């Protein structure tokens, strides 16, 4: 007997016969398949199938290629990696266990700009999705799937998958329906421009269209999203926020922006979230966001009235804010739009809207190159995510970082980054708790003193100045002492400190 809430959520009656336990649905998966799972930064991810696949792998190794929107919640990535469910993973992850498997070479990880995955699926550069697993809060009469707190790559997965499994999550309120704007670009060549000219504009439908015959199974769950793990602001992130706010105020004073600024984007994580929180103490009003993820800070800005509207691909919140958001959903409904990530991150739209991108760096060098992915130049942290989509194409690319890590053993400002995700050509502004370096219009030789004096920790400034002065003697457009350029990383790798102490 199917209960009333389930029948109310599955509005196409013949699909009720396809409800089955996750363990049964897991038997549809065969070794070597390519699987697309919903989920973007712990939001809207499948909850039951990952666990069922772990049990399935105990009987038969699967070695799947797993494609998602971004990271999964509920420890799913780690469980599946440890059980041998996943052999290849893309385009982003944030799980410690999976990270270890990636860095030992047991899982092949393709670190990819988040706007590119759907395009490569569409063109055939990536294998066709065998099974798409999509979390939903409802299935409409026409069979269309209503997503939950994230869209990510779900629409593209469904469009191309041979089979679709829907996880109907009763913990996600049906009232989420209407929050989404599902627009999928047509194949190339002959694709028309994406008709989006304002962050709040809706250009698609409210659900993911699918032929109901391709829905192979429906698994009913009642599991909330994993809460975000961002830390509250501290003195250093408050200082970074003040520098960013002062810079943006200067842009308004100089006449380069209106008091409403341009649409904002912020990457995931504690520092970016804290900087957005800092805007609640600013004089800016009637702001707009066009981003990938809405974190606690975005909801706070919406509540303060400073943020008029927000467009993203997912909503990832702390447990208290998640509860508050769902309890006040009607208040936010007309001010939030959730889109496929190939639209939220699309270079065409980012360039058109003139996004102010705010993202986090692991380290940056004295010429403005940014490493946001590889610890020590070799070990993957999480992935590039969408930062490159916005840095390359936005109006302003701002990268923030604390100036030191590991109690001062690591400087975030180095002579040369050990891995480059964002070249000097794509980076406009660098910020630490010590200050801000506006790099626009500056040659490499002019950038270095500004970055050293404004952004580096005082303990490291003499070393950086000495390196740069000796590099200048060798000449070049971008002067370096090549035999020493990565010596700081080597000192830390073989000892305990980047400085020779």
Protein backbone atom coordinates (compact mmCIF):
# COMPACT_ATOMS: atom_id res chain seq x y z
CA UNK A 1 0.00 0.00 0.00
CA UNK A 2 1.42 3.38 -1.06
CA UNK A 3 0.71 6.14 1.44
CA UNK A 4 -1.14 9.33 0.61
CA UNK A 5 1.91 11.62 0.62
CA UNK A 6 3.65 9.49 -1.98
CA UNK A 7 0.60 9.41 -4.27
CA UNK A 8 0.30 13.17 -3.88
CA UNK A 9 3.90 13.60 -4.98
CA UNK A 10 3.81 11.08 -7.86
CA UNK A 11 1.07 12.58 -9.99
CA UNK A 12 1.35 10.11 -12.87
CA UNK A 13 -0.49 7.06 -11.48
CA UNK A 14 1.16 4.36 -13.61
CA UNK A 15 4.56 5.32 -12.17
CA UNK A 16 3.46 4.15 -8.71
CA UNK A 17 4.09 0.59 -9.87
CA UNK A 18 7.79 1.41 -10.32
CA UNK A 19 8.37 2.17 -6.64
CA UNK A 20 10.92 -0.26 -5.26
CA UNK A 21 13.55 -0.53 -2.51
CA UNK A 22 16.96 0.98 -3.20
CA UNK A 23 18.51 -2.50 -2.99
CA UNK A 24 16.36 -3.66 -5.89
CA UNK A 25 17.07 -0.57 -7.98
CA UNK A 26 20.81 -1.07 -7.36
CA UNK A 27 20.64 -4.31 -9.37
CA UNK A 28 20.14 -2.23 -12.52
CA UNK A 29 23.80 -1.17 -12.28
CA UNK A 30 26.45 -3.20 -14.09
CA UNK A 31 30.25 -2.97 -13.85
CA UNK A 32 31.84 -0.19 -15.87
CA UNK A 33 28.66 1.83 -16.36
CA UNK A 34 28.66 5.61 -16.59
CA UNK A 35 26.31 7.02 -13.96
CA UNK A 36 25.05 10.56 -13.50
CA UNK A 37 23.90 11.49 -10.00
CA UNK A 38 22.15 14.66 -8.92
CA UNK A 39 23.82 16.75 -6.28
CA UNK A 40 25.68 20.03 -6.11
CA UNK A 41 27.78 20.86 -3.04
CA UNK A 42 25.91 18.53 -0.68
CA UNK A 43 22.48 19.72 -1.88
CA UNK A 44 19.95 17.71 -3.87
CA UNK A 45 22.06 14.56 -3.87
CA UNK A 46 20.77 11.01 -4.02
CA UNK A 47 20.64 9.54 -0.51
CA UNK A 48 19.63 5.87 -0.83
CA UNK A 49 21.24 4.62 -4.04
CA UNK A 50 24.87 5.34 -3.01
CA UNK A 51 24.44 3.16 0.09
CA UNK A 52 22.68 0.46 -1.91
CA UNK A 53 25.51 0.50 -4.46
CA UNK A 54 28.03 -0.02 -1.67
CA UNK A 55 26.15 -3.20 -0.70
CA UNK A 56 25.90 -4.25 -4.35
CA UNK A 57 29.66 -3.85 -4.72
CA UNK A 58 30.21 -6.39 -1.94
CA UNK A 59 28.78 -9.00 -4.32
CA UNK A 60 30.29 -7.69 -7.53
CA UNK A 61 32.88 -4.92 -8.10
CA UNK A 62 31.33 -2.09 -10.08
CA UNK A 63 34.10 0.37 -11.00
CA UNK A 64 31.66 3.03 -12.21
CA UNK A 65 32.39 6.32 -13.89
CA UNK A 66 30.47 8.71 -11.65
CA UNK A 67 29.51 12.17 -12.87
CA UNK A 68 27.69 14.65 -10.64
CA UNK A 69 27.07 18.37 -10.49
CA UNK A 70 29.63 18.92 -7.73
CA UNK A 71 30.28 17.28 -4.35
CA UNK A 72 27.84 14.84 -2.75
CA UNK A 73 26.66 14.87 0.86
CA UNK A 74 25.93 12.15 3.41
CA UNK A 75 29.48 10.77 3.05
CA UNK A 76 28.38 9.17 -0.23
CA UNK A 77 31.56 9.94 -2.17
CA UNK A 78 33.76 8.42 0.53
CA UNK A 79 31.62 5.33 1.03
CA UNK A 80 31.49 4.58 -2.68
CA UNK A 81 35.21 5.19 -3.15
CA UNK A 82 36.15 2.92 -0.25
CA UNK A 83 33.84 0.15 -1.52
CA UNK A 84 35.22 0.22 -5.06
CA UNK A 85 31.94 1.49 -6.50
CA UNK A 86 33.72 4.36 -8.27
CA UNK A 87 36.72 4.04 -10.55
CA UNK A 88 36.45 7.40 -12.33
CA UNK A 89 34.99 10.62 -10.91
CA UNK A 90 34.19 14.10 -12.24
CA UNK A 91 33.87 17.08 -12.17
CA UNK A 92 34.30 18.05 -8.45
CA UNK A 93 34.47 16.46 -5.00
CA UNK A 94 35.08 17.47 -1.40
CA UNK A 95 35.35 14.20 0.53
CA UNK A 96 38.47 13.26 2.52
CA UNK A 97 38.24 9.53 1.79
CA UNK A 98 37.70 10.04 -1.94
CA UNK A 99 40.51 12.60 -1.95
CA UNK A 100 42.90 9.98 -0.57
CA UNK A 101 41.87 7.52 -3.28
CA UNK A 102 42.42 10.20 -5.93
CA UNK A 103 45.85 11.12 -4.64
CA UNK A 104 46.99 7.47 -4.51
CA UNK A 105 45.75 6.93 -8.07
CA UNK A 106 43.05 4.42 -7.12
CA UNK A 107 40.31 6.71 -8.47
CA UNK A 108 40.86 8.65 -11.67
CA UNK A 109 39.62 12.22 -11.12
CA UNK A 110 38.87 14.60 -13.96
CA UNK A 111 38.96 18.11 -12.53
CA UNK A 112 36.70 20.13 -14.77
CA UNK A 113 35.19 23.59 -15.09
CA UNK A 114 31.60 23.10 -13.93
CA UNK A 115 30.19 24.69 -17.07
CA UNK A 116 31.88 22.11 -19.32
CA UNK A 117 30.53 18.75 -18.18
CA UNK A 118 27.11 19.06 -19.81
CA UNK A 119 28.68 20.27 -23.06
CA UNK A 120 31.04 17.28 -23.19
CA UNK A 121 28.17 14.90 -22.53
CA UNK A 122 26.15 16.55 -25.27
CA UNK A 123 28.99 16.37 -27.80
CA UNK A 124 29.87 12.76 -27.02
CA UNK A 125 33.33 13.59 -25.64
CA UNK A 126 32.19 11.88 -22.43
CA UNK A 127 30.43 8.48 -22.51
CA UNK A 128 26.65 8.44 -22.60
CA UNK A 129 25.00 8.20 -19.20
CA UNK A 130 23.72 4.66 -18.65
CA UNK A 131 21.71 5.48 -15.54
CA UNK A 132 20.79 8.89 -14.13
CA UNK A 133 19.88 8.99 -10.43
CA UNK A 134 17.93 12.15 -9.66
CA UNK A 135 16.55 13.37 -6.35
CA UNK A 136 13.07 14.89 -6.66
CA UNK A 137 10.39 16.39 -4.49
CA UNK A 138 7.65 15.46 -6.98
CA UNK A 139 6.91 13.88 -10.36
CA UNK A 140 4.34 15.75 -12.43
CA UNK A 141 1.46 14.27 -14.41
CA UNK A 142 3.54 14.43 -17.58
CA UNK A 143 6.36 12.53 -15.87
CA UNK A 144 8.60 15.61 -15.50
CA UNK A 145 10.91 15.52 -12.48
CA UNK A 146 10.81 18.38 -9.97
CA UNK A 147 14.28 18.76 -8.36
CA UNK A 148 14.90 19.56 -4.70
CA UNK A 149 17.54 22.01 -3.43
CA UNK A 150 19.84 21.71 -6.43
CA UNK A 151 19.65 21.37 -10.20
CA UNK A 152 23.33 20.90 -11.09
CA UNK A 153 23.74 18.66 -14.14
CA UNK A 154 20.51 16.74 -13.53
CA UNK A 155 18.68 18.03 -16.60
CA UNK A 156 21.55 17.04 -18.90
CA UNK A 157 21.86 13.63 -17.23
CA UNK A 158 18.17 12.94 -17.74
CA UNK A 159 18.20 14.21 -21.31
CA UNK A 160 20.86 11.73 -22.40
CA UNK A 161 20.47 8.77 -20.03
CA UNK A 162 19.34 5.34 -21.15
CA UNK A 163 17.49 4.86 -17.86
CA UNK A 164 16.45 7.16 -15.01
CA UNK A 165 16.01 6.33 -11.33
CA UNK A 166 14.15 8.92 -9.26
CA UNK A 167 14.76 9.24 -5.55
CA UNK A 168 11.58 10.84 -4.23
CA UNK A 169 12.68 12.59 -1.03
CA UNK A 170 9.75 13.30 1.27
CA UNK A 171 12.02 15.35 3.55
CA UNK A 172 12.19 17.96 0.77
CA UNK A 173 8.92 19.90 0.80
CA UNK A 174 6.73 19.77 -2.30
CA UNK A 175 6.59 23.56 -1.96
CA UNK A 176 10.04 23.68 -3.60
CA UNK A 177 8.23 23.24 -6.90
CA UNK A 178 8.35 26.47 -8.86
CA UNK A 179 11.77 27.50 -7.57
CA UNK A 180 13.56 25.99 -10.58
CA UNK A 181 14.15 27.32 -14.08
CA UNK A 182 15.17 24.42 -16.31
CA UNK A 183 16.67 25.55 -19.61
CA UNK A 184 18.88 23.24 -21.69
CA UNK A 185 20.78 24.75 -24.66
CA UNK A 186 20.29 23.15 -28.03
CA UNK A 187 23.12 21.14 -29.64
CA UNK A 188 25.71 22.87 -31.79
CA UNK A 189 26.00 24.01 -34.51
CA UNK A 190 23.02 26.28 -34.93
CA UNK A 191 22.55 27.00 -31.24
CA UNK A 192 20.82 30.29 -30.57
CA UNK A 193 21.97 32.75 -27.87
CA UNK A 194 20.77 31.93 -24.37
CA UNK A 195 18.01 34.52 -23.86
CA UNK A 196 18.94 35.57 -20.33
CA UNK A 197 19.76 39.22 -19.74
CA UNK A 198 18.90 39.68 -16.04
CA UNK A 199 19.76 37.49 -13.03
CA UNK A 200 16.14 37.05 -11.99
CA UNK A 201 14.79 36.25 -15.46
CA UNK A 202 13.16 32.86 -16.10
CA UNK A 203 13.71 31.31 -19.51
CA UNK A 204 12.74 27.65 -19.05
CA UNK A 205 10.32 25.30 -17.31
CA UNK A 206 9.93 24.39 -13.65
CA UNK A 207 10.76 20.67 -14.01
CA UNK A 208 13.06 18.29 -15.91
CA UNK A 209 11.24 16.86 -18.91
CA UNK A 210 11.63 13.11 -19.46
CA UNK A 211 9.82 10.35 -21.31
CA UNK A 212 8.13 8.46 -18.42
CA UNK A 213 9.02 5.16 -20.08
CA UNK A 214 12.69 5.81 -19.27
CA UNK A 215 11.96 6.03 -15.54
CA UNK A 216 13.08 2.55 -14.53
CA UNK A 217 12.58 2.85 -10.78
CA UNK A 218 11.40 5.19 -8.05
CA UNK A 219 12.97 4.96 -4.60
CA UNK A 220 11.20 6.76 -1.76
CA UNK A 221 13.44 8.37 0.88
CA UNK A 222 13.06 10.72 3.81
CA UNK A 223 16.56 12.17 4.28
CA UNK A 224 17.58 15.81 4.59
CA UNK A 225 20.60 17.25 2.80
CA UNK A 226 23.88 17.24 4.68
CA UNK A 227 24.37 20.59 6.41
CA UNK A 228 27.14 22.86 5.19
CA UNK A 229 30.27 22.85 7.30
CA UNK A 230 31.35 26.48 6.87
CA UNK A 231 32.86 28.05 9.98
CA UNK A 232 31.61 31.38 11.38
CA UNK A 233 33.57 34.54 10.48
CA UNK A 234 36.74 35.22 12.49
CA UNK A 235 39.01 38.26 12.82
CA UNK A 236 40.92 37.41 9.65
CA UNK A 237 37.87 36.76 7.46
CA UNK A 238 36.27 39.93 8.87
CA UNK A 239 39.36 41.85 7.79
CA UNK A 240 39.20 40.32 4.31
CA UNK A 241 35.53 41.31 4.10
CA UNK A 242 36.34 44.90 5.07
CA UNK A 243 38.98 45.14 2.35
CA UNK A 244 36.58 43.81 -0.29
CA UNK A 245 33.75 46.14 0.79
CA UNK A 246 36.11 49.14 0.76
CA UNK A 247 37.32 48.18 -2.72
CA UNK A 248 33.77 47.92 -4.07
CA UNK A 249 32.87 51.24 -2.47
CA UNK A 250 35.86 52.71 -4.29
CA UNK A 251 34.58 51.31 -7.58
CA UNK A 252 31.27 53.11 -7.00
CA UNK A 253 33.03 56.37 -6.06
CA UNK A 254 35.17 56.14 -9.20
CA UNK A 255 32.03 55.75 -11.32
CA UNK A 256 32.92 52.29 -12.58
CA UNK A 257 29.83 50.77 -10.96
CA UNK A 258 26.45 51.92 -9.73
CA UNK A 259 25.57 51.68 -6.01
CA UNK A 260 23.76 48.40 -6.87
CA UNK A 261 27.11 47.03 -8.12
CA UNK A 262 27.05 44.21 -10.68
CA UNK A 263 25.71 40.70 -9.98
CA UNK A 264 27.74 38.86 -7.35
CA UNK A 265 29.14 35.33 -7.43
CA UNK A 266 30.76 33.62 -4.46
CA UNK A 267 32.46 30.25 -4.35
CA UNK A 268 31.86 27.73 -1.61
CA UNK A 269 33.69 27.71 1.69
CA UNK A 270 34.23 29.61 4.89
CA UNK A 271 36.17 32.60 3.56
CA UNK A 272 33.85 33.45 0.64
CA UNK A 273 30.81 32.96 2.87
CA UNK A 274 32.32 35.26 5.51
CA UNK A 275 33.07 37.97 2.94
CA UNK A 276 29.46 37.94 1.77
CA UNK A 277 28.38 38.18 5.41
CA UNK A 278 30.48 41.33 5.53
CA UNK A 279 28.21 42.92 2.93
CA UNK A 280 25.41 42.90 5.52
CA UNK A 281 27.38 45.65 7.30
CA UNK A 282 27.81 47.69 4.12
CA UNK A 283 25.68 50.43 2.62
CA UNK A 284 24.98 48.50 -0.59
CA UNK A 285 21.32 47.91 -1.42
CA UNK A 286 19.29 46.30 -4.20
CA UNK A 287 22.07 43.82 -4.98
CA UNK A 288 21.71 40.75 -7.19
CA UNK A 289 23.53 37.41 -7.14
CA UNK A 290 24.23 35.20 -10.11
CA UNK A 291 26.19 32.35 -8.60
CA UNK A 292 26.56 28.58 -8.34
CA UNK A 293 25.68 28.09 -4.67
CA UNK A 294 23.68 30.08 -2.14
CA UNK A 295 25.16 29.73 1.34
CA UNK A 296 24.01 31.12 4.70
CA UNK A 297 25.36 34.56 3.82
CA UNK A 298 23.10 34.84 0.76
CA UNK A 299 20.02 34.07 2.85
CA UNK A 300 21.17 36.67 5.42
CA UNK A 301 21.51 39.26 2.66
CA UNK A 302 18.07 38.41 1.30
CA UNK A 303 16.62 38.86 4.78
CA UNK A 304 18.42 42.15 5.36
CA UNK A 305 16.87 43.47 2.16
CA UNK A 306 20.25 44.28 0.66
CA UNK A 307 20.01 41.40 -1.78
CA UNK A 308 17.00 41.81 -4.04
CA UNK A 309 17.27 38.46 -5.80
CA UNK A 310 19.55 35.47 -6.17
CA UNK A 311 20.12 33.00 -9.00
CA UNK A 312 22.16 29.83 -8.45
CA UNK A 313 22.28 26.10 -9.11
CA UNK A 314 21.96 24.94 -5.50
CA UNK A 315 21.24 26.05 -1.95
CA UNK A 316 23.66 24.66 0.66
CA UNK A 317 22.99 25.78 4.23
CA UNK A 318 23.92 25.07 7.81
CA UNK A 319 21.35 23.03 9.73
CA UNK A 320 19.74 26.03 11.52
CA UNK A 321 19.61 28.12 8.34
CA UNK A 322 18.24 25.17 6.35
CA UNK A 323 15.38 24.79 8.82
CA UNK A 324 14.77 28.55 8.80
CA UNK A 325 14.80 28.69 5.00
CA UNK A 326 12.26 25.90 4.55
CA UNK A 327 10.02 27.37 7.26
CA UNK A 328 10.02 30.70 5.43
CA UNK A 329 10.05 29.41 1.87
CA UNK A 330 7.13 31.59 0.78
CA UNK A 331 9.12 34.68 1.75
CA UNK A 332 12.00 33.69 -0.52
CA UNK A 333 10.09 32.06 -3.36
CA UNK A 334 9.90 35.06 -5.71
CA UNK A 335 13.51 36.09 -5.06
CA UNK A 336 15.42 32.86 -5.76
CA UNK A 337 15.90 30.94 -9.01
CA UNK A 338 17.67 27.57 -9.27
CA UNK A 339 19.13 26.73 -12.71
CA UNK A 340 21.17 23.99 -14.38
CA UNK A 341 24.85 24.60 -13.68
CA UNK A 342 25.67 24.96 -17.35
CA UNK A 343 23.42 28.06 -17.22
CA UNK A 344 24.50 29.37 -13.81
CA UNK A 345 28.15 29.09 -14.93
CA UNK A 346 27.78 29.71 -18.65
CA UNK A 347 30.58 31.94 -20.00
CA UNK A 348 28.17 33.69 -22.37
CA UNK A 349 25.94 34.81 -19.51
CA UNK A 350 28.78 35.55 -17.08
CA UNK A 351 30.30 37.91 -19.65
CA UNK A 352 26.94 39.45 -20.54
CA UNK A 353 25.95 40.20 -16.95
CA UNK A 354 29.40 41.39 -15.87
CA UNK A 355 29.70 39.19 -12.79
CA UNK A 356 31.83 40.15 -9.78
CA UNK A 357 33.41 36.79 -8.94
CA UNK A 358 34.62 36.13 -5.41
CA UNK A 359 36.56 32.88 -5.01
CA UNK A 360 39.12 31.30 -2.70
CA UNK A 361 42.79 30.61 -3.43
CA UNK A 362 44.99 28.01 -1.76
CA UNK A 363 47.96 30.16 -2.73
CA UNK A 364 48.94 32.87 -5.20
CA UNK A 365 52.29 34.11 -6.39
CA UNK A 366 53.90 37.51 -6.65
CA UNK A 367 52.69 37.93 -10.24
CA UNK A 368 49.03 37.03 -9.64
CA UNK A 369 48.81 33.38 -10.69
CA UNK A 370 46.41 31.42 -8.48
CA UNK A 371 46.44 27.81 -7.30
CA UNK A 372 43.03 26.80 -5.99
CA UNK A 373 43.24 23.01 -6.20
CA UNK A 374 46.62 21.33 -5.52
CA UNK A 375 48.32 21.25 -2.13
CA UNK A 376 52.07 21.40 -2.69
CA UNK A 377 51.45 21.36 -6.41
CA UNK A 378 50.56 17.66 -6.55
CA UNK A 379 47.83 16.62 -4.11
CA UNK A 380 44.27 17.36 -5.16
CA UNK A 381 42.16 19.18 -2.60
CA UNK A 382 38.62 19.56 -4.02
CA UNK A 383 38.74 20.80 -7.60
CA UNK A 384 38.54 23.96 -9.64
CA UNK A 385 34.74 23.99 -9.50
CA UNK A 386 33.20 27.02 -11.15
CA UNK A 387 35.84 29.57 -10.20
CA UNK A 388 37.40 29.50 -13.67
CA UNK A 389 34.03 30.03 -15.37
CA UNK A 390 33.66 33.31 -13.50
CA UNK A 391 37.31 34.41 -13.33
CA UNK A 392 37.88 34.18 -17.07
CA UNK A 393 34.58 35.72 -18.12
CA UNK A 394 33.39 38.06 -15.37
CA UNK A 395 33.85 41.78 -14.91
CA UNK A 396 35.99 41.32 -11.80
CA UNK A 397 37.87 38.23 -10.61
CA UNK A 398 38.59 38.61 -6.88
CA UNK A 399 40.51 35.84 -5.10
CA UNK A 400 40.72 35.75 -1.31
CA UNK A 401 42.90 33.79 1.09
CA UNK A 402 44.31 33.99 4.57
CA UNK A 403 47.98 34.94 4.27
CA UNK A 404 49.27 31.92 6.19
CA UNK A 405 48.34 28.34 6.98
CA UNK A 406 49.53 25.69 9.44
CA UNK A 407 50.32 28.26 12.14
CA UNK A 408 52.59 30.22 9.85
CA UNK A 409 54.49 27.27 8.41
CA UNK A 410 52.95 27.90 4.99
CA UNK A 411 52.73 31.25 3.23
CA UNK A 412 49.79 31.68 0.89
CA UNK A 413 51.87 34.20 -1.07
CA UNK A 414 54.79 32.46 -2.77
CA UNK A 415 57.40 33.25 -5.44
CA UNK A 416 55.74 30.87 -7.90
CA UNK A 417 52.60 28.79 -7.43
CA UNK A 418 53.23 25.05 -7.60
CA UNK A 419 50.11 24.52 -9.72
CA UNK A 420 48.23 27.07 -11.83
CA UNK A 421 44.43 27.09 -12.05
CA UNK A 422 43.94 30.78 -12.82
CA UNK A 423 46.68 32.57 -14.72
CA UNK A 424 47.69 36.17 -14.11
CA UNK A 425 45.59 37.07 -17.17
CA UNK A 426 42.35 36.11 -15.40
CA UNK A 427 43.02 37.55 -11.93
CA UNK A 428 42.06 41.14 -11.14
CA UNK A 429 42.18 41.49 -7.35
CA UNK A 430 43.93 39.54 -4.56
CA UNK A 431 42.94 39.91 -0.91
CA UNK A 432 44.22 38.63 2.43
CA UNK A 433 43.59 39.86 5.96
CA UNK A 434 46.52 42.28 5.52
CA UNK A 435 45.21 44.13 2.49
CA UNK A 436 44.18 44.14 -1.15
CA UNK A 437 46.10 44.30 -4.41
CA UNK A 438 44.26 45.67 -7.44
CA UNK A 439 46.23 44.21 -10.35
CA UNK A 440 44.28 45.73 -13.21
CA UNK A 441 46.45 47.60 -15.69
CA UNK A 442 49.71 46.51 -14.09
CA UNK A 443 52.62 44.65 -15.70
CA UNK A 444 54.15 41.72 -13.80
CA UNK A 445 57.04 43.85 -12.49
CA UNK A 446 54.50 46.31 -11.07
CA UNK A 447 52.27 43.64 -9.60
CA UNK A 448 54.91 41.95 -7.46
CA UNK A 449 55.71 44.80 -5.02
CA UNK A 450 51.99 45.52 -4.59
CA UNK A 451 51.13 41.89 -3.81
CA UNK A 452 54.08 41.51 -1.42
CA UNK A 453 53.42 44.74 0.48
CA UNK A 454 49.62 44.46 0.63
CA UNK A 455 48.86 40.75 0.86
CA UNK A 456 51.80 38.78 2.25
CA UNK A 457 52.18 38.13 5.97
CA UNK A 458 54.83 40.47 7.45
CA UNK A 459 56.97 37.46 8.43
CA UNK A 460 57.33 36.50 4.76
CA UNK A 461 57.64 39.93 3.15
CA UNK A 462 61.45 40.25 3.49
CA UNK A 463 61.93 36.85 1.86
CA UNK A 464 59.59 37.72 -1.01
CA UNK A 465 61.24 41.12 -1.56
CA UNK A 466 64.68 39.51 -1.60
CA UNK A 467 63.52 36.91 -4.14
CA UNK A 468 61.96 39.54 -6.39
CA UNK A 469 64.98 41.84 -6.26
CA UNK A 470 67.32 39.03 -7.27
CA UNK A 471 64.90 37.91 -9.97
CA UNK A 472 64.88 41.43 -11.45
CA UNK A 473 68.64 41.19 -11.97
CA UNK A 474 68.06 38.27 -14.33
CA UNK A 475 65.55 40.23 -16.40
CA UNK A 476 62.52 39.08 -18.31
CA UNK A 477 58.88 40.08 -18.55
CA UNK A 478 58.12 37.88 -15.52
CA UNK A 479 61.41 37.68 -13.60
CA UNK A 480 62.21 34.50 -11.68
CA UNK A 481 65.12 32.74 -10.04
CA UNK A 482 64.06 29.43 -11.51
CA UNK A 483 66.19 27.19 -9.33
CA UNK A 484 64.56 28.77 -6.26
CA UNK A 485 61.04 29.36 -7.56
CA UNK A 486 59.56 26.28 -5.88
CA UNK A 487 62.11 25.99 -3.08
CA UNK A 488 59.59 27.18 -0.48
CA UNK A 489 57.31 24.24 -1.27
CA UNK A 490 60.27 21.85 -1.19
CA UNK A 491 61.38 23.16 2.21
CA UNK A 492 57.93 22.52 3.61
CA UNK A 493 57.70 19.10 1.97
CA UNK A 494 60.99 17.90 3.41
CA UNK A 495 60.75 19.75 6.71
CA UNK A 496 58.10 21.60 8.65
CA UNK A 497 58.26 25.19 7.42
CA UNK A 498 58.48 27.22 4.22
CA UNK A 499 61.04 29.50 5.89
CA UNK A 500 64.50 28.14 6.66
CA UNK A 501 64.07 28.06 10.44
